[in-house]
């Protein structure tokens, strides 16, 4: 007996991918033996599995239709009864099925069902973002003076120095290192951002803190004095908006710094101010002490990052209340937020953050989630990120994995199909809202990841701009900056040594994204061959644009018949077959083509 089903082909499952509640889904499976009964086995996580008898058509095709009334994460497979034998049909790596008589070997199909539409404004979903680590970008003071210097800190002699952590024998950082980048520097470089074509600026934390990364917030209502003043921040926001650039800030709401006004372990804010100095402090209920005052819950056991109790009503009001942190900065013109360690923020906390943003007139709330956000568990809790009532999207690290693994030719079939599986799992809005990257302050820089191969780096940028989602550049990547793991990936921007070739590639792709709507709104399909060549296609109706990628040193003569097509309709495949025959792509090159 043979059977065929393909969840990436709308002849077999319509619609493709995630569905909204009450939306009709049609499943079809072909079984070549007419003497069978086929069931669609379907279950929502947490609910009982239901066997749905499929209807037989024309002898070999079986069909079932259903509209789901509950949002959530579902899994399904097919059960085929043949005489007295039961065969199960589950998914394989190509979105198709594998038959087995061993239930333990069954791989089930995932189906995401969401409740709410999740639109974002055009400035976001049509935009191009740029991430700046403020201390490492530019010092805008006339003589490069560094203001607001912190006690026991280390200042680099030149901007060309490589970053280095000064640690004690226990591996603890004892002096934080600074270059002196500031808000004035960002303001001074707005013309540079505009020349690239950037329309969204994402800043790593800017509030008062002890460290250079500022994920150890000391005061949510104060700009770090080393970066500048609130007036300078207001001027920056005004200038950005005047130049067509929107601003996203980094919200660190899971923990604070041990020197914060809220915890105040070393009396930076005077005696009896914070929870560790005074059990009658208004902030005491924010923290969980196991032995007062020196033992307490902290982020991943890092003692200088006391964890906040997000269920505490006073903390909730402090963050998203009418006079809270979000309100304060949104009123000054902030356009959206990126949430640090979103996995550690309760789902209701995320929903309330989103509600506050709606009240403030903002619709952009991006969560730091490193994995497939549609099936992520924290402990035993399923995180319902794609439901449309919490995050707009996530930091799309799986895109970086797809690009870097592919260009390093790590199991191409697995790499390509895992990425298309992500497309299948995410609601369309959610995928388009994700902030895509090929590098951040938490990853090895793209040039280093690709062994300093500038040709592959240019292909990586091409892939970034071809994929659905909002492309986000990490400062300096477009200039050819290198860097291994933190802190090496946080070098100062090489203003006197910009790689003009890579920068020109980035500019061209930003311009192309602005000109080609399909790069924003088009569906996506992929095709690859056994030699590791790849084609990315964005299409809508009969229109298509595509990128041919040859990561090898040898030239590639395209043979459409040797390509495995994934989620590409027959009409598009026919066009590609005629157009691409004998097309040549040089070694370590990509070609953008508009059909």
Protein backbone atom coordinates (compact mmCIF):
# COMPACT_ATOMS: atom_id res chain seq x y z
CA UNK A 1 0.00 0.00 0.00
CA UNK A 2 1.18 3.51 -0.87
CA UNK A 3 -0.10 6.85 0.34
CA UNK A 4 0.69 10.48 -0.46
CA UNK A 5 0.13 13.71 1.45
CA UNK A 6 2.04 17.00 1.51
CA UNK A 7 1.23 19.66 4.09
CA UNK A 8 3.17 22.21 2.00
CA UNK A 9 0.92 21.66 -1.03
CA UNK A 10 -2.54 23.26 -0.94
CA UNK A 11 -3.90 20.41 -3.04
CA UNK A 12 -3.55 18.36 0.15
CA UNK A 13 -3.98 20.90 2.95
CA UNK A 14 -5.76 24.18 2.46
CA UNK A 15 -4.92 26.72 3.69
CA UNK A 16 -1.19 26.28 4.03
CA UNK A 17 0.26 26.70 7.49
CA UNK A 18 -1.33 28.23 10.56
CA UNK A 19 -5.07 28.91 10.67
CA UNK A 20 -7.34 31.31 12.50
CA UNK A 21 -10.16 30.04 14.71
CA UNK A 22 -13.35 29.24 12.77
CA UNK A 23 -11.41 29.06 9.48
CA UNK A 24 -12.27 25.97 7.44
CA UNK A 25 -9.39 23.57 6.85
CA UNK A 26 -9.45 20.91 4.13
CA UNK A 27 -7.21 17.84 4.33
CA UNK A 28 -6.77 15.38 1.45
CA UNK A 29 -4.70 12.22 1.38
CA UNK A 30 -4.25 9.73 -1.47
CA UNK A 31 -4.19 6.01 -0.64
CA UNK A 32 -3.77 3.63 -3.56
CA UNK A 33 -5.77 0.80 -1.95
CA UNK A 34 -9.57 1.36 -2.14
CA UNK A 35 -10.26 -1.20 0.59
CA UNK A 36 -9.27 0.95 3.53
CA UNK A 37 -10.80 3.38 5.99
CA UNK A 38 -8.85 6.55 6.74
CA UNK A 39 -9.10 8.73 9.84
CA UNK A 40 -7.65 12.13 10.57
CA UNK A 41 -6.40 11.94 14.15
CA UNK A 42 -6.35 15.44 15.61
CA UNK A 43 -5.66 16.77 19.10
CA UNK A 44 -5.12 20.13 20.72
CA UNK A 45 -2.36 20.11 23.31
CA UNK A 46 -4.05 19.38 26.62
CA UNK A 47 -7.16 17.84 25.01
CA UNK A 48 -8.13 14.31 24.01
CA UNK A 49 -7.30 13.05 20.54
CA UNK A 50 -10.28 12.75 18.18
CA UNK A 51 -10.54 10.26 15.30
CA UNK A 52 -12.28 12.03 12.40
CA UNK A 53 -13.47 9.66 9.63
CA UNK A 54 -12.44 10.98 6.22
CA UNK A 55 -14.71 10.81 3.19
CA UNK A 56 -13.64 8.76 0.17
CA UNK A 57 -13.63 10.37 -3.28
CA UNK A 58 -12.82 8.76 -6.66
CA UNK A 59 -11.50 5.61 -5.03
CA UNK A 60 -8.11 6.85 -3.83
CA UNK A 61 -8.61 10.37 -2.42
CA UNK A 62 -9.84 10.88 1.12
CA UNK A 63 -11.00 14.26 2.39
CA UNK A 64 -11.99 15.89 5.66
CA UNK A 65 -13.02 19.46 6.49
CA UNK A 66 -13.06 21.13 9.89
CA UNK A 67 -13.03 24.58 11.47
CA UNK A 68 -11.23 24.78 14.81
CA UNK A 69 -13.04 26.76 17.50
CA UNK A 70 -10.24 26.87 20.08
CA UNK A 71 -6.87 28.54 19.56
CA UNK A 72 -3.80 26.57 20.49
CA UNK A 73 -1.21 24.09 19.34
CA UNK A 74 -2.60 21.05 17.52
CA UNK A 75 -1.01 17.88 16.22
CA UNK A 76 -2.44 15.52 13.62
CA UNK A 77 -1.67 12.40 11.64
CA UNK A 78 -3.55 9.86 9.52
CA UNK A 79 -4.66 6.43 10.64
CA UNK A 80 -5.33 3.88 7.90
CA UNK A 81 -7.29 0.73 8.68
CA UNK A 82 -6.63 -2.07 6.20
CA UNK A 83 -8.40 -5.34 6.97
CA UNK A 84 -7.22 -6.06 10.52
CA UNK A 85 -4.09 -3.97 10.30
CA UNK A 86 -3.53 -0.33 11.32
CA UNK A 87 -1.02 1.86 9.52
CA UNK A 88 -0.11 5.35 10.68
CA UNK A 89 0.94 8.14 8.33
CA UNK A 90 3.06 10.85 9.93
CA UNK A 91 5.29 13.60 8.61
CA UNK A 92 8.76 13.34 7.14
CA UNK A 93 11.33 16.06 6.60
CA UNK A 94 9.77 17.22 3.32
CA UNK A 95 6.30 17.90 4.71
CA UNK A 96 5.14 14.59 3.23
CA UNK A 97 4.28 11.31 4.96
CA UNK A 98 6.02 8.20 6.13
CA UNK A 99 3.96 5.06 6.72
CA UNK A 100 4.64 2.97 9.80
CA UNK A 101 3.01 0.17 11.73
CA UNK A 102 4.96 1.22 14.83
CA UNK A 103 3.14 4.06 16.57
CA UNK A 104 6.27 4.90 18.57
CA UNK A 105 8.00 5.87 15.32
CA UNK A 106 5.23 8.26 14.28
CA UNK A 107 6.13 11.92 13.69
CA UNK A 108 3.00 14.07 13.93
CA UNK A 109 2.19 17.17 11.89
CA UNK A 110 1.93 20.46 13.77
CA UNK A 111 -0.96 22.87 13.24
CA UNK A 112 -1.01 26.32 14.84
CA UNK A 113 -4.43 27.86 15.45
CA UNK A 114 -4.48 31.51 16.52
CA UNK A 115 -7.26 33.77 17.76
CA UNK A 116 -6.43 37.32 16.70
CA UNK A 117 -5.11 39.09 13.65
CA UNK A 118 -1.72 40.62 14.41
CA UNK A 119 -1.15 43.60 12.13
CA UNK A 120 1.65 46.09 12.53
CA UNK A 121 1.92 49.55 10.94
CA UNK A 122 3.47 49.87 7.49
CA UNK A 123 6.49 51.71 8.88
CA UNK A 124 7.40 48.52 10.69
CA UNK A 125 6.53 45.63 8.38
CA UNK A 126 7.81 47.50 5.30
CA UNK A 127 10.85 48.84 7.13
CA UNK A 128 14.51 47.97 7.57
CA UNK A 129 15.88 47.98 11.11
CA UNK A 130 19.33 48.75 12.48
CA UNK A 131 20.48 47.62 15.93
CA UNK A 132 22.91 49.80 17.88
CA UNK A 133 24.81 48.84 21.01
CA UNK A 134 25.09 52.47 22.20
CA UNK A 135 28.52 52.39 23.90
CA UNK A 136 30.12 50.99 20.73
CA UNK A 137 28.67 53.15 17.94
CA UNK A 138 29.94 56.74 18.04
CA UNK A 139 30.95 59.44 20.52
CA UNK A 140 29.27 62.64 19.37
CA UNK A 141 30.93 65.03 21.80
CA UNK A 142 33.20 67.62 20.11
CA UNK A 143 36.44 66.33 21.61
CA UNK A 144 35.30 62.77 22.31
CA UNK A 145 34.99 63.53 26.01
CA UNK A 146 33.24 60.88 28.09
CA UNK A 147 30.71 62.23 30.56
CA UNK A 148 28.92 60.52 33.43
CA UNK A 149 31.88 58.26 34.15
CA UNK A 150 31.14 55.36 36.48
CA UNK A 151 33.20 54.45 39.56
CA UNK A 152 35.66 51.57 39.11
CA UNK A 153 35.16 51.46 35.34
CA UNK A 154 37.73 51.06 32.58
CA UNK A 155 37.94 53.41 29.58
CA UNK A 156 39.66 52.26 26.38
CA UNK A 157 42.53 54.35 25.08
CA UNK A 158 41.40 54.13 21.44
CA UNK A 159 38.30 53.06 19.57
CA UNK A 160 40.39 50.43 17.79
CA UNK A 161 41.11 48.54 21.03
CA UNK A 162 39.50 45.12 21.23
CA UNK A 163 36.95 44.69 24.03
CA UNK A 164 38.07 42.66 27.00
CA UNK A 165 36.40 41.72 30.29
CA UNK A 166 38.36 42.43 33.46
CA UNK A 167 37.54 39.54 35.80
CA UNK A 168 38.65 38.28 39.19
CA UNK A 169 39.77 34.75 40.02
CA UNK A 170 36.12 33.66 40.33
CA UNK A 171 35.37 34.77 36.78
CA UNK A 172 33.32 37.78 37.92
CA UNK A 173 33.62 41.07 36.06
CA UNK A 174 35.18 43.60 38.45
CA UNK A 175 35.51 46.61 36.15
CA UNK A 176 33.11 47.39 33.32
CA UNK A 177 34.75 48.62 30.14
CA UNK A 178 33.55 51.58 28.09
CA UNK A 179 34.40 53.25 24.78
CA UNK A 180 32.15 56.27 25.22
CA UNK A 181 29.52 55.90 22.53
CA UNK A 182 26.51 58.05 23.36
CA UNK A 183 23.18 59.51 22.27
CA UNK A 184 24.94 62.50 20.74
CA UNK A 185 26.89 60.03 18.62
CA UNK A 186 23.73 58.34 17.36
CA UNK A 187 22.25 61.74 16.55
CA UNK A 188 25.39 62.72 14.64
CA UNK A 189 25.18 59.56 12.55
CA UNK A 190 21.54 59.87 11.49
CA UNK A 191 22.75 60.94 8.00
CA UNK A 192 24.72 57.70 7.82
CA UNK A 193 21.68 55.62 8.80
CA UNK A 194 19.60 57.49 6.25
CA UNK A 195 22.22 56.92 3.54
CA UNK A 196 21.94 53.18 4.14
CA UNK A 197 18.15 53.34 3.84
CA UNK A 198 17.41 52.40 7.46
CA UNK A 199 13.89 53.26 8.65
CA UNK A 200 13.83 51.65 12.12
CA UNK A 201 16.39 52.06 14.90
CA UNK A 202 16.54 49.42 17.64
CA UNK A 203 18.67 50.43 20.63
CA UNK A 204 20.09 48.10 23.23
CA UNK A 205 19.20 49.36 26.75
CA UNK A 206 19.75 53.06 27.42
CA UNK A 207 18.50 53.44 31.00
CA UNK A 208 20.81 54.07 33.95
CA UNK A 209 22.87 50.96 34.75
CA UNK A 210 26.25 49.83 36.04
CA UNK A 211 27.42 47.75 33.06
CA UNK A 212 28.20 48.70 29.46
CA UNK A 213 25.37 46.52 28.11
CA UNK A 214 22.84 48.07 30.54
CA UNK A 215 20.73 44.95 30.94
CA UNK A 216 21.21 45.56 34.68
CA UNK A 217 18.82 48.51 34.94
CA UNK A 218 19.38 50.86 37.88
CA UNK A 219 16.59 53.33 37.10
CA UNK A 220 13.91 52.82 34.43
CA UNK A 221 13.02 56.52 34.39
CA UNK A 222 16.51 57.90 33.78
CA UNK A 223 18.78 57.87 30.72
CA UNK A 224 22.21 56.54 31.64
CA UNK A 225 24.34 59.66 32.30
CA UNK A 226 27.18 58.19 30.28
CA UNK A 227 24.88 58.14 27.25
CA UNK A 228 23.42 61.59 27.79
CA UNK A 229 20.41 63.38 29.19
CA UNK A 230 16.68 63.09 28.72
CA UNK A 231 16.75 66.29 26.67
CA UNK A 232 19.32 64.73 24.35
CA UNK A 233 17.09 61.68 24.04
CA UNK A 234 14.09 63.87 23.17
CA UNK A 235 16.14 65.62 20.50
CA UNK A 236 17.23 62.25 19.13
CA UNK A 237 13.64 61.03 18.85
CA UNK A 238 12.60 64.24 17.11
CA UNK A 239 15.50 64.04 14.65
CA UNK A 240 14.86 60.37 13.92
CA UNK A 241 11.20 61.01 13.16
CA UNK A 242 12.06 64.02 11.00
CA UNK A 243 14.28 61.70 8.97
CA UNK A 244 11.68 58.96 8.61
CA UNK A 245 13.21 56.65 11.22
CA UNK A 246 11.15 55.03 13.99
CA UNK A 247 12.57 53.99 17.35
CA UNK A 248 12.35 50.68 19.23
CA UNK A 249 13.77 50.47 22.75
CA UNK A 250 14.97 47.40 24.66
CA UNK A 251 12.70 46.62 27.61
CA UNK A 252 14.39 44.61 30.38
CA UNK A 253 11.52 43.77 32.72
CA UNK A 254 12.50 40.37 34.12
CA UNK A 255 15.31 41.58 36.36
CA UNK A 256 17.11 44.71 37.53
CA UNK A 257 20.66 45.55 38.61
CA UNK A 258 21.85 44.84 42.13
CA UNK A 259 22.82 48.52 42.34
CA UNK A 260 19.41 49.68 41.18
CA UNK A 261 17.33 52.10 43.20
CA UNK A 262 14.94 49.17 43.64
CA UNK A 263 17.47 46.72 45.15
CA UNK A 264 20.42 48.96 46.09
CA UNK A 265 22.80 46.27 47.32
CA UNK A 266 25.78 48.63 47.67
CA UNK A 267 23.90 51.80 48.68
CA UNK A 268 24.52 53.53 45.35
CA UNK A 269 21.26 55.36 46.00
CA UNK A 270 21.97 55.97 49.68
CA UNK A 271 21.02 53.94 52.77
CA UNK A 272 17.59 52.42 53.36
CA UNK A 273 16.44 52.94 49.77
CA UNK A 274 16.16 49.56 48.08
CA UNK A 275 14.79 46.16 49.02
CA UNK A 276 18.16 44.75 50.12
CA UNK A 277 18.65 47.65 52.56
CA UNK A 278 15.16 48.03 53.92
CA UNK A 279 12.43 45.43 54.33
CA UNK A 280 9.92 48.28 54.48
CA UNK A 281 11.03 49.56 51.09
CA UNK A 282 8.18 49.94 48.57
CA UNK A 283 10.23 47.64 46.35
CA UNK A 284 10.67 44.82 48.86
CA UNK A 285 7.72 42.80 47.51
CA UNK A 286 9.32 42.81 44.05
CA UNK A 287 12.00 40.32 45.10
CA UNK A 288 12.13 36.82 46.53
CA UNK A 289 14.66 36.54 49.35
CA UNK A 290 15.59 33.09 50.62
CA UNK A 291 17.96 34.50 53.25
CA UNK A 292 17.72 38.25 53.72
CA UNK A 293 19.53 40.20 52.45
CA UNK A 294 22.25 38.19 50.70
CA UNK A 295 20.38 35.27 49.11
CA UNK A 296 17.64 35.93 46.59
CA UNK A 297 16.25 34.81 43.24
CA UNK A 298 18.29 36.14 40.33
CA UNK A 299 18.42 35.69 36.58
CA UNK A 300 20.08 32.32 35.94
CA UNK A 301 21.77 32.58 39.33
CA UNK A 302 23.69 35.75 38.39
CA UNK A 303 23.73 37.63 41.69
CA UNK A 304 24.09 41.10 40.18
CA UNK A 305 20.78 40.62 38.32
CA UNK A 306 18.06 40.20 41.00
CA UNK A 307 14.92 38.73 39.43
CA UNK A 308 11.69 40.66 39.80
CA UNK A 309 8.39 39.06 40.79
CA UNK A 310 6.29 39.84 37.71
CA UNK A 311 3.11 38.79 39.57
CA UNK A 312 3.53 41.61 42.08
CA UNK A 313 0.74 44.18 41.47
CA UNK A 314 2.92 47.16 42.36
CA UNK A 315 5.57 46.05 39.87
CA UNK A 316 2.97 45.48 37.16
CA UNK A 317 1.61 48.98 37.70
CA UNK A 318 5.14 50.34 37.70
CA UNK A 319 5.86 48.86 34.26
CA UNK A 320 2.57 49.08 32.36
CA UNK A 321 0.30 51.22 34.54
CA UNK A 322 -1.06 54.63 33.58
CA UNK A 323 2.09 56.35 34.87
CA UNK A 324 4.41 53.41 34.27
CA UNK A 325 7.64 52.90 32.38
CA UNK A 326 6.02 52.21 29.00
CA UNK A 327 3.80 55.27 29.28
CA UNK A 328 6.71 57.53 30.20
CA UNK A 329 8.86 56.66 27.19
CA UNK A 330 6.03 56.14 24.70
CA UNK A 331 4.88 59.67 25.48
CA UNK A 332 8.34 60.87 24.48
CA UNK A 333 7.95 59.29 21.06
CA UNK A 334 9.15 55.69 21.37
CA UNK A 335 7.45 53.63 18.64
CA UNK A 336 7.85 50.08 19.96
CA UNK A 337 9.69 47.74 22.30
CA UNK A 338 11.90 44.69 22.12
CA UNK A 339 11.49 42.53 25.24
CA UNK A 340 14.56 40.95 26.76
CA UNK A 341 14.21 37.27 27.83
CA UNK A 342 10.53 37.18 26.83
CA UNK A 343 10.41 33.48 27.77
CA UNK A 344 10.74 34.48 31.42
CA UNK A 345 7.88 36.97 31.40
CA UNK A 346 4.48 35.41 32.27
CA UNK A 347 2.03 35.25 29.37
CA UNK A 348 -0.45 37.52 31.14
CA UNK A 349 2.35 40.02 31.75
CA UNK A 350 3.03 39.99 28.00
CA UNK A 351 -0.65 40.49 27.24
CA UNK A 352 -0.80 43.47 29.57
CA UNK A 353 2.30 44.98 27.95
CA UNK A 354 0.57 44.63 24.58
CA UNK A 355 -2.60 46.22 25.96
CA UNK A 356 -0.61 49.19 27.24
CA UNK A 357 1.04 49.58 23.86
CA UNK A 358 -2.37 49.62 22.18
CA UNK A 359 -3.47 52.35 24.60
CA UNK A 360 -0.33 54.32 23.76
CA UNK A 361 -1.00 53.89 20.04
CA UNK A 362 1.89 51.48 19.42
CA UNK A 363 1.55 48.03 17.88
CA UNK A 364 5.13 46.74 17.89
CA UNK A 365 6.18 44.40 20.70
CA UNK A 366 9.02 42.04 19.77
CA UNK A 367 10.12 39.25 22.10
CA UNK A 368 13.55 37.71 22.50
CA UNK A 369 12.78 34.06 21.70
CA UNK A 370 15.57 31.97 20.23
CA UNK A 371 13.61 28.94 19.02
CA UNK A 372 10.44 28.19 17.05
CA UNK A 373 8.02 30.41 18.97
CA UNK A 374 4.94 28.39 17.96
CA UNK A 375 5.74 25.33 20.07
CA UNK A 376 7.95 26.77 22.81
CA UNK A 377 7.55 25.44 26.34
CA UNK A 378 8.87 27.05 29.51
CA UNK A 379 8.77 24.28 32.06
CA UNK A 380 5.39 22.64 31.49
CA UNK A 381 3.78 25.77 30.10
CA UNK A 382 3.13 26.14 26.39
CA UNK A 383 3.90 29.71 25.35
CA UNK A 384 1.14 30.98 23.07
CA UNK A 385 3.22 33.66 21.37
CA UNK A 386 1.53 33.50 17.93
CA UNK A 387 -2.00 33.98 19.28
CA UNK A 388 -2.07 37.68 18.38
CA UNK A 389 -2.77 38.99 21.89
CA UNK A 390 0.77 39.29 23.23
CA UNK A 391 3.88 39.58 21.05
CA UNK A 392 3.76 41.09 17.58
CA UNK A 393 6.68 38.85 16.63
CA UNK A 394 10.04 37.61 17.86
CA UNK A 395 13.76 38.07 17.29
CA UNK A 396 13.92 35.53 14.49
CA UNK A 397 17.10 33.66 15.39
CA UNK A 398 15.96 30.58 13.39
CA UNK A 399 16.48 32.73 10.27
CA UNK A 400 20.10 33.26 11.27
CA UNK A 401 20.47 29.52 11.84
CA UNK A 402 18.99 28.82 8.41
CA UNK A 403 21.31 31.26 6.63
CA UNK A 404 24.55 30.38 8.42
CA UNK A 405 23.95 26.62 8.37
CA UNK A 406 23.07 26.71 4.69
CA UNK A 407 26.10 28.78 3.70
CA UNK A 408 28.33 26.43 5.67
CA UNK A 409 26.57 23.55 3.86
CA UNK A 410 25.49 21.83 7.07
CA UNK A 411 22.94 19.16 6.02
CA UNK A 412 21.25 21.29 3.36
CA UNK A 413 18.04 19.23 3.20
CA UNK A 414 17.54 19.45 6.97
CA UNK A 415 18.43 23.15 7.05
CA UNK A 416 16.03 24.07 4.24
CA UNK A 417 13.10 21.95 5.42
CA UNK A 418 13.43 23.08 9.04
CA UNK A 419 13.11 26.67 7.88
CA UNK A 420 10.05 25.93 5.76
CA UNK A 421 8.61 24.14 8.78
CA UNK A 422 8.93 27.43 10.66
CA UNK A 423 7.03 29.20 7.87
CA UNK A 424 4.33 26.53 8.18
CA UNK A 425 4.07 26.90 11.96
CA UNK A 426 3.79 30.70 12.15
CA UNK A 427 0.70 32.75 11.32
CA UNK A 428 1.44 34.93 8.30
CA UNK A 429 1.23 38.20 10.26
CA UNK A 430 3.47 36.83 12.99
CA UNK A 431 6.14 35.74 10.51
CA UNK A 432 6.07 39.09 8.72
CA UNK A 433 6.43 40.87 12.08
CA UNK A 434 9.50 38.92 13.20
CA UNK A 435 12.72 40.89 13.46
CA UNK A 436 15.10 38.86 11.29
CA UNK A 437 18.83 38.98 11.89
CA UNK A 438 22.12 37.43 10.86
CA UNK A 439 23.80 38.77 13.97
CA UNK A 440 23.12 40.53 17.27
CA UNK A 441 25.00 41.45 20.43
CA UNK A 442 24.47 37.83 21.57
CA UNK A 443 25.93 36.04 18.52
CA UNK A 444 29.19 35.70 16.65
CA UNK A 445 29.33 38.31 13.91
CA UNK A 446 28.28 37.10 10.49
CA UNK A 447 31.67 37.68 8.87
CA UNK A 448 33.40 35.68 11.59
CA UNK A 449 30.73 32.95 11.44
CA UNK A 450 31.46 32.57 7.71
CA UNK A 451 35.26 32.44 8.15
CA UNK A 452 35.77 35.99 6.82
CA UNK A 453 34.51 34.95 3.38
CA UNK A 454 33.19 38.25 2.00
CA UNK A 455 31.40 36.58 -0.90
CA UNK A 456 29.40 34.40 1.48
CA UNK A 457 28.71 37.43 3.69
CA UNK A 458 27.15 39.19 0.70
CA UNK A 459 25.00 36.12 0.02
CA UNK A 460 23.96 36.09 3.69
CA UNK A 461 22.67 39.65 3.37
CA UNK A 462 20.87 38.73 0.15
CA UNK A 463 19.13 35.84 1.91
CA UNK A 464 18.20 38.08 4.86
CA UNK A 465 16.38 40.48 2.55
CA UNK A 466 14.68 37.71 0.56
CA UNK A 467 12.97 36.09 3.55
CA UNK A 468 9.66 37.16 5.12
CA UNK A 469 10.06 39.36 8.19
CA UNK A 470 11.70 42.68 8.97
CA UNK A 471 15.45 42.61 8.25
CA UNK A 472 17.55 43.98 11.10
CA UNK A 473 21.22 44.87 10.67
CA UNK A 474 23.57 44.67 13.64
CA UNK A 475 25.72 47.80 13.71
CA UNK A 476 29.00 47.29 11.91
CA UNK A 477 28.06 44.11 10.04
CA UNK A 478 27.47 46.22 6.93
CA UNK A 479 30.97 47.65 7.43
CA UNK A 480 32.62 44.23 7.57
CA UNK A 481 33.21 44.25 11.32
CA UNK A 482 34.34 40.92 12.76
CA UNK A 483 33.95 39.47 16.23
CA UNK A 484 33.70 36.17 18.04
CA UNK A 485 31.64 35.59 21.18
CA UNK A 486 30.77 38.35 23.65
CA UNK A 487 32.56 40.69 24.27
CA UNK A 488 34.43 40.42 20.95
CA UNK A 489 31.20 40.84 18.98
CA UNK A 490 30.77 44.29 20.58
CA UNK A 491 33.73 46.10 19.06
CA UNK A 492 33.56 49.80 18.26
CA UNK A 493 32.23 50.74 14.83
CA UNK A 494 35.16 50.95 12.35
CA UNK A 495 34.37 54.39 10.94
CA UNK A 496 37.73 54.69 9.17
CA UNK A 497 37.76 51.14 7.81
CA UNK A 498 34.31 50.50 6.32
CA UNK A 499 34.21 47.63 3.84
CA UNK A 500 32.76 49.45 0.84
CA UNK A 501 31.87 46.26 -1.05
CA UNK A 502 29.74 44.78 1.73
CA UNK A 503 28.19 48.15 2.49
CA UNK A 504 27.22 48.64 -1.16
CA UNK A 505 25.58 45.21 -1.18
CA UNK A 506 23.52 46.12 1.87
CA UNK A 507 22.46 49.46 0.38
CA UNK A 508 21.38 47.78 -2.85
CA UNK A 509 19.26 45.25 -0.98
CA UNK A 510 17.60 47.92 1.15
CA UNK A 511 16.75 49.83 -2.03
CA UNK A 512 15.45 46.64 -3.65
CA UNK A 513 13.20 45.87 -0.67
CA UNK A 514 11.73 49.35 -0.96
CA UNK A 515 11.05 48.82 -4.67
CA UNK A 516 9.75 45.23 -4.65
CA UNK A 517 6.55 44.71 -2.65
CA UNK A 518 6.89 40.94 -3.09
CA UNK A 519 9.89 41.02 -0.74
CA UNK A 520 7.51 42.24 1.98
CA UNK A 521 4.13 40.70 1.20
CA UNK A 522 4.85 37.75 -1.09
CA UNK A 523 4.47 34.09 -0.24
CA UNK A 524 7.70 32.11 0.02
CA UNK A 525 8.81 28.94 -1.68
CA UNK A 526 12.15 27.18 -1.82
CA UNK A 527 13.95 24.81 -4.16
CA UNK A 528 17.29 23.08 -3.76
CA UNK A 529 19.36 20.32 -5.30
CA UNK A 530 21.68 17.61 -4.02
CA UNK A 531 24.74 19.77 -4.75
CA UNK A 532 23.59 22.38 -2.22
CA UNK A 533 22.32 25.04 -4.60
CA UNK A 534 19.28 26.98 -3.42
CA UNK A 535 16.50 29.08 -4.89
CA UNK A 536 14.37 31.39 -2.74
CA UNK A 537 11.14 32.52 -4.42
CA UNK A 538 8.73 35.24 -3.28
CA UNK A 539 5.50 35.12 -5.25
CA UNK A 540 1.91 36.27 -5.43
CA UNK A 541 -0.57 35.18 -8.09
CA UNK A 542 1.54 34.95 -11.27
CA UNK A 543 4.26 37.37 -10.18
CA UNK A 544 7.54 36.23 -8.68
CA UNK A 545 11.02 37.35 -7.74
CA UNK A 546 13.74 34.88 -6.92
CA UNK A 547 17.28 34.52 -5.68
CA UNK A 548 19.55 31.83 -7.10
CA UNK A 549 22.33 30.93 -4.67
CA UNK A 550 25.53 29.08 -5.43
CA UNK A 551 27.65 28.76 -2.25
CA UNK A 552 30.28 26.53 -3.87
CA UNK A 553 33.41 27.61 -5.75
CA UNK A 554 32.27 25.93 -8.98
CA UNK A 555 29.87 27.54 -11.49
CA UNK A 556 26.27 26.30 -11.44
CA UNK A 557 24.29 25.61 -14.57
CA UNK A 558 20.71 25.53 -13.38
CA UNK A 559 18.71 22.43 -14.27
CA UNK A 560 15.12 23.00 -13.06
CA UNK A 561 14.39 19.27 -13.23
CA UNK A 562 17.05 18.54 -10.60
CA UNK A 563 15.51 20.92 -8.06
CA UNK A 564 13.29 19.75 -5.22
CA UNK A 565 10.47 22.29 -4.99
CA UNK A 566 8.93 23.15 -1.62
CA UNK A 567 5.72 25.19 -1.28
CA UNK A 568 5.75 26.38 -4.87
CA UNK A 569 2.50 26.25 -6.89
CA UNK A 570 2.54 24.54 -10.27
CA UNK A 571 2.02 27.81 -12.17
CA UNK A 572 5.16 29.30 -10.64
CA UNK A 573 7.12 26.08 -11.18
CA UNK A 574 6.16 26.11 -14.86
CA UNK A 575 7.40 29.69 -15.25
CA UNK A 576 10.63 28.84 -13.49
CA UNK A 577 11.18 25.76 -15.62
CA UNK A 578 11.07 27.77 -18.84
CA UNK A 579 12.98 30.78 -17.54
CA UNK A 580 15.81 29.09 -15.67
CA UNK A 581 16.86 26.44 -18.14
CA UNK A 582 20.66 26.59 -18.57
CA UNK A 583 20.90 29.70 -16.38
CA UNK A 584 24.47 30.24 -15.13
CA UNK A 585 25.46 31.30 -11.61
CA UNK A 586 29.15 31.84 -10.87
CA UNK A 587 30.81 30.30 -7.84
CA UNK A 588 30.04 31.90 -4.47
CA UNK A 589 27.52 34.23 -6.07
CA UNK A 590 23.80 34.88 -5.98
CA UNK A 591 21.51 36.29 -8.66
CA UNK A 592 18.31 38.23 -8.09
CA UNK A 593 15.76 37.73 -10.86
CA UNK A 594 12.35 39.25 -11.46
CA UNK A 595 10.03 37.11 -13.59
